[in-house]
PDB file of all heavy atoms in Angstrom:
ATOM      1  N   ALA A   1       0.815  -1.218   0.000  1.00  0.00           N
ATOM      2  CA  ALA A   1       0.000   0.000   0.000  1.00  0.00           C
ATOM      3  C   ALA A   1       0.848   1.267   0.000  1.00  0.00           C
ATOM      4  O   ALA A   1       0.350   2.350  -0.334  1.00  0.00           O
ATOM      5  CB  ALA A   1      -0.934   0.000   1.206  1.00  0.00           C
ATOM      6  N   LEU A   2       2.132   1.176   0.362  1.00  0.00           N
ATOM      7  CA  LEU A   2       3.005   2.339   0.340  1.00  0.00           C
ATOM      8  C   LEU A   2       3.359   2.709  -1.095  1.00  0.00           C
ATOM      9  O   LEU A   2       3.341   1.872  -2.003  1.00  0.00           O
ATOM     10  CB  LEU A   2       4.295   2.042   1.115  1.00  0.00           C
ATOM     11  CG  LEU A   2       4.154   1.700   2.592  1.00  0.00           C
ATOM     12  CD1 LEU A   2       5.516   1.321   3.165  1.00  0.00           C
ATOM     13  CD2 LEU A   2       3.553   2.859   3.367  1.00  0.00           C
ATOM     14  N   THR A   3       3.715   3.939  -1.322  1.00  0.00           N
ATOM     15  CA  THR A   3       4.173   4.342  -2.648  1.00  0.00           C
ATOM     16  C   THR A   3       5.548   3.750  -2.931  1.00  0.00           C
ATOM     17  O   THR A   3       6.295   3.408  -2.002  1.00  0.00           O
ATOM     18  CB  THR A   3       4.259   5.867  -2.756  1.00  0.00           C
ATOM     19  OG1 THR A   3       5.269   6.341  -1.853  1.00  0.00           O
ATOM     20  CG2 THR A   3       2.919   6.521  -2.421  1.00  0.00           C
ATOM     21  N   ALA A   4       5.884   3.657  -4.191  1.00  0.00           N
ATOM     22  CA  ALA A   4       7.208   3.159  -4.551  1.00  0.00           C
ATOM     23  C   ALA A   4       8.299   4.059  -3.977  1.00  0.00           C
ATOM     24  O   ALA A   4       9.362   3.580  -3.567  1.00  0.00           O
ATOM     25  CB  ALA A   4       7.336   3.063  -6.072  1.00  0.00           C
ATOM     26  N   ARG A   5       8.043   5.333  -3.937  1.00  0.00           N
ATOM     27  CA  ARG A   5       9.032   6.262  -3.386  1.00  0.00           C
ATOM     28  C   ARG A   5       9.257   6.010  -1.905  1.00  0.00           C
ATOM     29  O   ARG A   5      10.387   6.057  -1.417  1.00  0.00           O
ATOM     30  CB  ARG A   5       8.579   7.713  -3.625  1.00  0.00           C
ATOM     31  CG  ARG A   5       9.647   8.753  -3.343  1.00  0.00           C
ATOM     32  CD  ARG A   5       9.208  10.124  -3.843  1.00  0.00           C
ATOM     33  NE  ARG A   5       8.968  10.104  -5.273  1.00  0.00           N
ATOM     34  CZ  ARG A   5       9.909  10.176  -6.202  1.00  0.00           C
ATOM     35  NH1 ARG A   5      11.187  10.268  -5.832  1.00  0.00           N
ATOM     36  NH2 ARG A   5       9.598  10.176  -7.478  1.00  0.00           N
ATOM     37  N   GLU A   6       8.184   5.719  -1.184  1.00  0.00           N
ATOM     38  CA  GLU A   6       8.331   5.451   0.243  1.00  0.00           C
ATOM     39  C   GLU A   6       9.037   4.122   0.488  1.00  0.00           C
ATOM     40  O   GLU A   6       9.884   4.006   1.379  1.00  0.00           O
ATOM     41  CB  GLU A   6       6.951   5.454   0.922  1.00  0.00           C
ATOM     42  CG  GLU A   6       6.952   5.078   2.398  1.00  0.00           C
ATOM     43  CD  GLU A   6       7.767   6.029   3.271  1.00  0.00           C
ATOM     44  OE1 GLU A   6       8.030   7.168   2.835  1.00  0.00           O
ATOM     45  OE2 GLU A   6       8.139   5.618   4.384  1.00  0.00           O
ATOM     46  N   ARG A   7       8.718   3.112  -0.325  1.00  0.00           N
ATOM     47  CA  ARG A   7       9.427   1.843  -0.178  1.00  0.00           C
ATOM     48  C   ARG A   7      10.913   2.019  -0.466  1.00  0.00           C
ATOM     49  O   ARG A   7      11.770   1.430   0.209  1.00  0.00           O
ATOM     50  CB  ARG A   7       8.817   0.791  -1.114  1.00  0.00           C
ATOM     51  CG  ARG A   7       7.405   0.378  -0.733  1.00  0.00           C
ATOM     52  CD  ARG A   7       7.006  -0.921  -1.407  1.00  0.00           C
ATOM     53  NE  ARG A   7       6.922  -0.831  -2.852  1.00  0.00           N
ATOM     54  CZ  ARG A   7       5.828  -0.552  -3.546  1.00  0.00           C
ATOM     55  NH1 ARG A   7       4.671  -0.329  -2.904  1.00  0.00           N
ATOM     56  NH2 ARG A   7       5.840  -0.506  -4.868  1.00  0.00           N
ATOM     57  N   SER A   8      11.227   2.826  -1.461  1.00  0.00           N
ATOM     58  CA  SER A   8      12.628   3.093  -1.785  1.00  0.00           C
ATOM     59  C   SER A   8      13.346   3.749  -0.609  1.00  0.00           C
ATOM     60  O   SER A   8      14.491   3.401  -0.283  1.00  0.00           O
ATOM     61  CB  SER A   8      12.729   3.985  -3.021  1.00  0.00           C
ATOM     62  OG  SER A   8      12.233   3.343  -4.162  1.00  0.00           O
ATOM     63  N   ARG A   9      12.676   4.697   0.019  1.00  0.00           N
ATOM     64  CA  ARG A   9      13.284   5.374   1.165  1.00  0.00           C
ATOM     65  C   ARG A   9      13.606   4.392   2.284  1.00  0.00           C
ATOM     66  O   ARG A   9      14.644   4.513   2.958  1.00  0.00           O
ATOM     67  CB  ARG A   9      12.332   6.463   1.674  1.00  0.00           C
ATOM     68  CG  ARG A   9      12.927   7.331   2.783  1.00  0.00           C
ATOM     69  CD  ARG A   9      11.889   8.260   3.367  1.00  0.00           C
ATOM     70  NE  ARG A   9      10.879   7.542   4.127  1.00  0.00           N
ATOM     71  CZ  ARG A   9      11.063   7.107   5.384  1.00  0.00           C
ATOM     72  NH1 ARG A   9      12.201   7.319   5.995  1.00  0.00           N
ATOM     73  NH2 ARG A   9      10.078   6.482   6.018  1.00  0.00           N
ATOM     74  N   ARG A  10      12.771   3.402   2.462  1.00  0.00           N
ATOM     75  CA  ARG A  10      12.978   2.460   3.564  1.00  0.00           C
ATOM     76  C   ARG A  10      13.983   1.356   3.235  1.00  0.00           C
ATOM     77  O   ARG A  10      14.573   0.775   4.139  1.00  0.00           O
ATOM     78  CB  ARG A  10      11.635   1.829   3.959  1.00  0.00           C
ATOM     79  CG  ARG A  10      10.618   2.833   4.447  1.00  0.00           C
ATOM     80  CD  ARG A  10       9.439   2.141   5.076  1.00  0.00           C
ATOM     81  NE  ARG A  10       8.351   3.053   5.363  1.00  0.00           N
ATOM     82  CZ  ARG A  10       7.304   2.748   6.126  1.00  0.00           C
ATOM     83  NH1 ARG A  10       7.207   1.534   6.651  1.00  0.00           N
ATOM     84  NH2 ARG A  10       6.356   3.628   6.345  1.00  0.00           N
ATOM     85  N   ILE A  11      14.171   1.057   1.961  1.00  0.00           N
ATOM     86  CA  ILE A  11      15.115   0.007   1.567  1.00  0.00           C
ATOM     87  C   ILE A  11      16.534   0.546   1.414  1.00  0.00           C
ATOM     88  O   ILE A  11      17.516  -0.156   1.685  1.00  0.00           O
ATOM     89  CB  ILE A  11      14.667  -0.632   0.230  1.00  0.00           C
ATOM     90  CG1 ILE A  11      13.339  -1.373   0.413  1.00  0.00           C
ATOM     91  CG2 ILE A  11      15.725  -1.574  -0.318  1.00  0.00           C
ATOM     92  CD1 ILE A  11      13.412  -2.556   1.366  1.00  0.00           C
ATOM     93  N   ARG A  12      16.659   1.806   1.024  1.00  0.00           N
ATOM     94  CA  ARG A  12      17.972   2.369   0.714  1.00  0.00           C
ATOM     95  C   ARG A  12      18.996   2.224   1.848  1.00  0.00           C
ATOM     96  O   ARG A  12      20.193   2.001   1.582  1.00  0.00           O
ATOM     97  CB  ARG A  12      17.821   3.842   0.326  1.00  0.00           C
ATOM     98  CG  ARG A  12      19.076   4.434  -0.306  1.00  0.00           C
ATOM     99  CD  ARG A  12      18.846   5.852  -0.796  1.00  0.00           C
ATOM    100  NE  ARG A  12      18.016   5.874  -1.985  1.00  0.00           N
ATOM    101  CZ  ARG A  12      16.789   6.381  -2.034  1.00  0.00           C
ATOM    102  NH1 ARG A  12      16.244   6.909  -0.942  1.00  0.00           N
ATOM    103  NH2 ARG A  12      16.100   6.380  -3.153  1.00  0.00           N
ATOM    104  N   PRO A  13      18.627   2.318   3.130  1.00  0.00           N
ATOM    105  CA  PRO A  13      19.632   2.192   4.198  1.00  0.00           C
ATOM    106  C   PRO A  13      20.356   0.854   4.235  1.00  0.00           C
ATOM    107  O   PRO A  13      21.402   0.737   4.888  1.00  0.00           O
ATOM    108  CB  PRO A  13      18.803   2.398   5.476  1.00  0.00           C
ATOM    109  CG  PRO A  13      17.644   3.243   5.052  1.00  0.00           C
ATOM    110  CD  PRO A  13      17.312   2.761   3.676  1.00  0.00           C
ATOM    111  N   LEU A  14      19.843  -0.146   3.527  1.00  0.00           N
ATOM    112  CA  LEU A  14      20.532  -1.433   3.521  1.00  0.00           C
ATOM    113  C   LEU A  14      21.914  -1.319   2.874  1.00  0.00           C
ATOM    114  O   LEU A  14      22.841  -2.035   3.257  1.00  0.00           O
ATOM    115  CB  LEU A  14      19.691  -2.480   2.783  1.00  0.00           C
ATOM    116  CG  LEU A  14      20.175  -3.933   2.847  1.00  0.00           C
ATOM    117  CD1 LEU A  14      20.282  -4.416   4.286  1.00  0.00           C
ATOM    118  CD2 LEU A  14      19.244  -4.839   2.045  1.00  0.00           C
ATOM    119  N   SER A  15      22.068  -0.417   1.918  1.00  0.00           N
ATOM    120  CA  SER A  15      23.390  -0.238   1.299  1.00  0.00           C
ATOM    121  C   SER A  15      24.373   0.366   2.298  1.00  0.00           C
ATOM    122  O   SER A  15      25.556  -0.001   2.315  1.00  0.00           O
ATOM    123  CB  SER A  15      23.281   0.631   0.042  1.00  0.00           C
ATOM    124  OG  SER A  15      22.826   1.932   0.354  1.00  0.00           O
ATOM    125  N   ALA A  16      23.904   1.276   3.147  1.00  0.00           N
ATOM    126  CA  ALA A  16      24.773   1.851   4.176  1.00  0.00           C
ATOM    127  C   ALA A  16      25.154   0.789   5.212  1.00  0.00           C
ATOM    128  O   ALA A  16      26.283   0.786   5.731  1.00  0.00           O
ATOM    129  CB  ALA A  16      24.073   3.026   4.852  1.00  0.00           C
ATOM    130  N   TRP A  17      24.232  -0.121   5.497  1.00  0.00           N
ATOM    131  CA  TRP A  17      24.534  -1.225   6.422  1.00  0.00           C
ATOM    132  C   TRP A  17      25.640  -2.097   5.848  1.00  0.00           C
ATOM    133  O   TRP A  17      26.556  -2.522   6.561  1.00  0.00           O
ATOM    134  CB  TRP A  17      23.274  -2.044   6.678  1.00  0.00           C
ATOM    135  CG  TRP A  17      23.510  -3.266   7.522  1.00  0.00           C
ATOM    136  CD1 TRP A  17      23.604  -3.313   8.886  1.00  0.00           C
ATOM    137  CD2 TRP A  17      23.710  -4.608   7.048  1.00  0.00           C
ATOM    138  NE1 TRP A  17      23.845  -4.606   9.297  1.00  0.00           N
ATOM    139  CE2 TRP A  17      23.911  -5.417   8.202  1.00  0.00           C
ATOM    140  CE3 TRP A  17      23.729  -5.193   5.790  1.00  0.00           C
ATOM    141  CZ2 TRP A  17      24.133  -6.799   8.095  1.00  0.00           C
ATOM    142  CZ3 TRP A  17      23.948  -6.563   5.687  1.00  0.00           C
ATOM    143  CH2 TRP A  17      24.151  -7.343   6.830  1.00  0.00           C
ATOM    144  N   LEU A  18      25.583  -2.374   4.550  1.00  0.00           N
ATOM    145  CA  LEU A  18      26.629  -3.166   3.914  1.00  0.00           C
ATOM    146  C   LEU A  18      27.982  -2.472   4.027  1.00  0.00           C
ATOM    147  O   LEU A  18      29.004  -3.126   4.286  1.00  0.00           O
ATOM    148  CB  LEU A  18      26.295  -3.397   2.442  1.00  0.00           C
ATOM    149  CG  LEU A  18      25.158  -4.373   2.140  1.00  0.00           C
ATOM    150  CD1 LEU A  18      24.782  -4.277   0.666  1.00  0.00           C
ATOM    151  CD2 LEU A  18      25.549  -5.798   2.486  1.00  0.00           C
ATOM    152  N   ALA A  19      28.002  -1.167   3.833  1.00  0.00           N
ATOM    153  CA  ALA A  19      29.254  -0.429   3.939  1.00  0.00           C
ATOM    154  C   ALA A  19      29.801  -0.497   5.361  1.00  0.00           C
ATOM    155  O   ALA A  19      31.017  -0.671   5.567  1.00  0.00           O
ATOM    156  CB  ALA A  19      29.038   1.030   3.514  1.00  0.00           C
ATOM    157  N   ARG A  20      28.916  -0.363   6.321  1.00  0.00           N
ATOM    158  CA  ARG A  20      29.345  -0.388   7.722  1.00  0.00           C
ATOM    159  C   ARG A  20      29.841  -1.773   8.150  1.00  0.00           C
ATOM    160  O   ARG A  20      30.805  -1.895   8.898  1.00  0.00           O
ATOM    161  CB  ARG A  20      28.174   0.058   8.609  1.00  0.00           C
ATOM    162  CG  ARG A  20      28.547   0.220  10.072  1.00  0.00           C
ATOM    163  CD  ARG A  20      27.377   0.752  10.879  1.00  0.00           C
ATOM    164  NE  ARG A  20      26.346  -0.250  11.081  1.00  0.00           N
ATOM    165  CZ  ARG A  20      25.111  -0.172  10.603  1.00  0.00           C
ATOM    166  NH1 ARG A  20      24.758   0.865   9.838  1.00  0.00           N
ATOM    167  NH2 ARG A  20      24.229  -1.116  10.843  1.00  0.00           N
ATOM    168  N   GLU A  21      29.197  -2.810   7.657  1.00  0.00           N
ATOM    169  CA  GLU A  21      29.499  -4.170   8.099  1.00  0.00           C
ATOM    170  C   GLU A  21      30.381  -4.939   7.114  1.00  0.00           C
ATOM    171  O   GLU A  21      30.532  -6.155   7.245  1.00  0.00           O
ATOM    172  CB  GLU A  21      28.179  -4.939   8.284  1.00  0.00           C
ATOM    173  CG  GLU A  21      27.286  -4.398   9.377  1.00  0.00           C
ATOM    174  CD  GLU A  21      27.889  -4.605  10.756  1.00  0.00           C
ATOM    175  OE1 GLU A  21      28.555  -5.643  10.957  1.00  0.00           O
ATOM    176  OE2 GLU A  21      27.705  -3.729  11.620  1.00  0.00           O
ATOM    177  N   GLN A  22      30.984  -4.262   6.151  1.00  0.00           N
ATOM    178  CA  GLN A  22      31.648  -4.976   5.068  1.00  0.00           C
ATOM    179  C   GLN A  22      32.775  -5.893   5.527  1.00  0.00           C
ATOM    180  O   GLN A  22      32.937  -7.012   5.009  1.00  0.00           O
ATOM    181  CB  GLN A  22      32.162  -3.996   4.013  1.00  0.00           C
ATOM    182  CG  GLN A  22      33.186  -2.991   4.489  1.00  0.00           C
ATOM    183  CD  GLN A  22      33.666  -2.112   3.346  1.00  0.00           C
ATOM    184  OE1 GLN A  22      34.231  -2.605   2.369  1.00  0.00           O
ATOM    185  NE2 GLN A  22      33.420  -0.816   3.450  1.00  0.00           N
ATOM    186  N   GLU A  23      33.568  -5.475   6.505  1.00  0.00           N
ATOM    187  CA  GLU A  23      34.678  -6.325   6.951  1.00  0.00           C
ATOM    188  C   GLU A  23      34.160  -7.595   7.610  1.00  0.00           C
ATOM    189  O   GLU A  23      34.643  -8.703   7.342  1.00  0.00           O
ATOM    190  CB  GLU A  23      35.582  -5.555   7.912  1.00  0.00           C
ATOM    191  CG  GLU A  23      36.355  -4.421   7.263  1.00  0.00           C
ATOM    192  CD  GLU A  23      37.320  -4.920   6.189  1.00  0.00           C
ATOM    193  OE1 GLU A  23      37.827  -6.063   6.316  1.00  0.00           O
ATOM    194  OE2 GLU A  23      37.556  -4.177   5.220  1.00  0.00           O
ATOM    195  N   ASN A  24      33.179  -7.454   8.462  1.00  0.00           N
ATOM    196  CA  ASN A  24      32.601  -8.623   9.128  1.00  0.00           C
ATOM    197  C   ASN A  24      31.914  -9.536   8.124  1.00  0.00           C
ATOM    198  O   ASN A  24      32.069 -10.768   8.166  1.00  0.00           O
ATOM    199  CB  ASN A  24      31.600  -8.161  10.191  1.00  0.00           C
ATOM    200  CG  ASN A  24      30.972  -9.323  10.937  1.00  0.00           C
ATOM    201  OD1 ASN A  24      31.664 -10.235  11.402  1.00  0.00           O
ATOM    202  ND2 ASN A  24      29.650  -9.304  11.056  1.00  0.00           N
ATOM    203  N   LEU A  25      31.168  -8.952   7.189  1.00  0.00           N
ATOM    204  CA  LEU A  25      30.487  -9.757   6.174  1.00  0.00           C
ATOM    205  C   LEU A  25      31.483 -10.503   5.298  1.00  0.00           C
ATOM    206  O   LEU A  25      31.280 -11.677   4.962  1.00  0.00           O
ATOM    207  CB  LEU A  25      29.600  -8.857   5.305  1.00  0.00           C
ATOM    208  CG  LEU A  25      28.357  -8.282   5.977  1.00  0.00           C
ATOM    209  CD1 LEU A  25      27.719  -7.217   5.091  1.00  0.00           C
ATOM    210  CD2 LEU A  25      27.347  -9.385   6.284  1.00  0.00           C
ATOM    211  N   ALA A  26      32.560  -9.829   4.915  1.00  0.00           N
ATOM    212  CA  ALA A  26      33.568 -10.472   4.071  1.00  0.00           C
ATOM    213  C   ALA A  26      34.162 -11.680   4.782  1.00  0.00           C
ATOM    214  O   ALA A  26      34.410 -12.734   4.161  1.00  0.00           O
ATOM    215  CB  ALA A  26      34.664  -9.473   3.705  1.00  0.00           C
ATOM    216  N   ARG A  27      34.378 -11.578   6.072  1.00  0.00           N
ATOM    217  CA  ARG A  27      34.965 -12.702   6.812  1.00  0.00           C
ATOM    218  C   ARG A  27      33.969 -13.855   6.955  1.00  0.00           C
ATOM    219  O   ARG A  27      34.360 -15.024   6.899  1.00  0.00           O
ATOM    220  CB  ARG A  27      35.459 -12.226   8.186  1.00  0.00           C
ATOM    221  CG  ARG A  27      36.639 -11.285   8.078  1.00  0.00           C
ATOM    222  CD  ARG A  27      37.294 -10.958   9.400  1.00  0.00           C
ATOM    223  NE  ARG A  27      38.402 -10.039   9.190  1.00  0.00           N
ATOM    224  CZ  ARG A  27      39.614 -10.408   8.791  1.00  0.00           C
ATOM    225  NH1 ARG A  27      39.873 -11.683   8.573  1.00  0.00           N
ATOM    226  NH2 ARG A  27      40.567  -9.506   8.621  1.00  0.00           N
ATOM    227  N   ILE A  28      32.705 -13.524   7.119  1.00  0.00           N
ATOM    228  CA  ILE A  28      31.695 -14.586   7.197  1.00  0.00           C
ATOM    229  C   ILE A  28      31.607 -15.324   5.866  1.00  0.00           C
ATOM    230  O   ILE A  28      31.599 -16.562   5.814  1.00  0.00           O
ATOM    231  CB  ILE A  28      30.325 -13.998   7.594  1.00  0.00           C
ATOM    232  CG1 ILE A  28      30.366 -13.434   9.012  1.00  0.00           C
ATOM    233  CG2 ILE A  28      29.236 -15.077   7.492  1.00  0.00           C
ATOM    234  CD1 ILE A  28      29.109 -12.685   9.405  1.00  0.00           C
TER     235      ILE A  28
END
């Protein structure tokens, strides 16, 4: 029911999470 723009706003932070956790993720 949310607009595509609103869904985009809520999904986009996942890329920042990847940047923050990249060393740990790479080791896993």
